[in-house]
Amino acid sequence: MNHEERSTMRRQTLARRDSMPLHERAGKSLSISSRVMAIPEITDAGTILVYMHFRSEVQTTELINRILAAGKYLAIPRTLPATLQLAAVGITDPDTQTAPGYRGIPEPLPLLAKQASCDPQIIDAVVVPGSVFDRFGGRLGYGGGFYDRFLATAAPGAARVGLAFELQMVDRVPVEPHDQLMDFVVTEENIYHCRRNRHAQNSRLSR
C-alpha cells in the first residue's frame, strides 16, 4: 500500500471519528480510561507519559486525573518541530500547567518545560494517540512521525498503549518499517493484547 492509500485510510477514519457526537465521545473515553487503568503495565508503572487530547481524539482528562490520584509521576509530551522530536515534561496539575502549543495541542507551559524535564529513559509506559489501529498493534499516526521516533529512540523500553475508539480499528494497518507497534490498543469495547506481535517484528528487524 503506497503513501496515497495510507493517507486515504487516515483521512476516512478521522472523518468517522470527527462525526461522533461529543457526548458519545466523552462517554466512550471514560470507558477507555477505566480499561487502561486495569492494565498491569499501567498499574505497576511509576512514570507514565500520556498525550493530552486534541479535537476528536479519545479524551484523556479522566485518565490523567486517575494516574495522578494513584500517586504516579505523570509526564506529557511537548512537540519540538525544529527537530521533529517529542520531549517529556512532568506535571501535577494539567489545568494550570498547560496551554495550547504546537498546532493548538495542549502542552506544558514553556517555563515548566525547562524546570520539569523528564528523562524518557525512566518512562515505564506511554499512552499514544493515533488515527488508525489494528488488533496486531499496527498504528497510523497523523503523518509527522513524532511518536514513532520517540518510542524507537527515546523510550524504547516503555510499554506502548494506543487509545482509539472501536470505529478506528481496521483489519490490518499497512505498516512501514518506521511504524512502531503498540503493546496494547484500548477501545471502549476491548483491550487488544499486541505485545507478542511487536516482539516478533523486533526480532525480524534485528536479524
Foldseek 3Di string as FASTA:
>chain_A
DDPVVLVVLLVVLVVVLLPDDPVVLQVFLVLLLVVVCPDVLLVPAQEEEEEQDDRRWSHCPVNVVVSLVSVHWYWYWDADVVVLEIWTFTDNDQVPQWFQDVVGGIDGDPVRCVVGTDQLQRHAAYEDEARAAELQQFGHHDPSCHVLCCCVPRNVNHAYEYEDAPSRYDHDNPDDPSTQGHCWYTTSVDIRGNVVSRVVSVVVVVD
